[in-house]
Each structure stands twice: as structure tokens, then as C-alpha cells.
Amino acid sequence: MDYNLELAEPKITDSSSADGPWYTFSWTALPVEGTTYEIEVSRNKDFKPAIKHETRQVSLEVQFLEGGSHFWKVIAKNNSERNPSASGSFTVPPLSESQQKGEGE
């Protein structure tokens, strides 16, 4: 069964971290018990390579270690069904000199 996963704009939750900013990703839940969500984030539109995170929640906090354009999508999984969202994009600002050195601000 197909459901429409809606992505919310990623939000910066901590930009002062010594290693880079933290972003919160969120999306709509599917009305199917036992659904897990796979979040893929990549520097490339084709998601190759991609960093993948799996959760049962409808949000996830991720830290970025490099600035620039990124793409993301969510795949809802339940039993053998996979229901992907459309992809979204966002830009991580360049890291400060102290963040690049891991010193914090």
C-alpha cells in the first residue's frame, strides 16, 4: 500500500558544536504499526554514496562534519514493503575555523 511521506525542512538544533552543526530531520508518520524509517543523506542527488540511519521515530538528529549542499530522503519499511519519500535538499554552512580544528566556539 502506498502512503505519501512528507518531509519537513531540516532544522539546525546546535550550530556551536565543536565538531559541526546538528540538524533535526522530521517527516510524517505512516499509519501502519511496526513501521521503521531509513533516512538517507548524501552530497549527491543519486544518493551514491549515502549515509543511512534507521529509526522507529519520525525525527532524527544528525551531525554534519562538512558544509555544502546535501540531499535527503526517507524510506518507510514495514514487513517486505518499502515506501520512499521524494528527496529534499538543504545546505550546511561552512564550518568555522574553530569547528574545523575541533575547538568549539
Foldseek 3Di string as FASTA:
>chain_A
DEDAKAWDPWDFPDQQQLQGTKIKTFIDDDPDPPKKKKKWKALDPVPVPTDIDIGRDRMDIDGDRAWAKMKMWMWIDDDHDTHIYRMDMDTGDGRDPSSNVSNTD
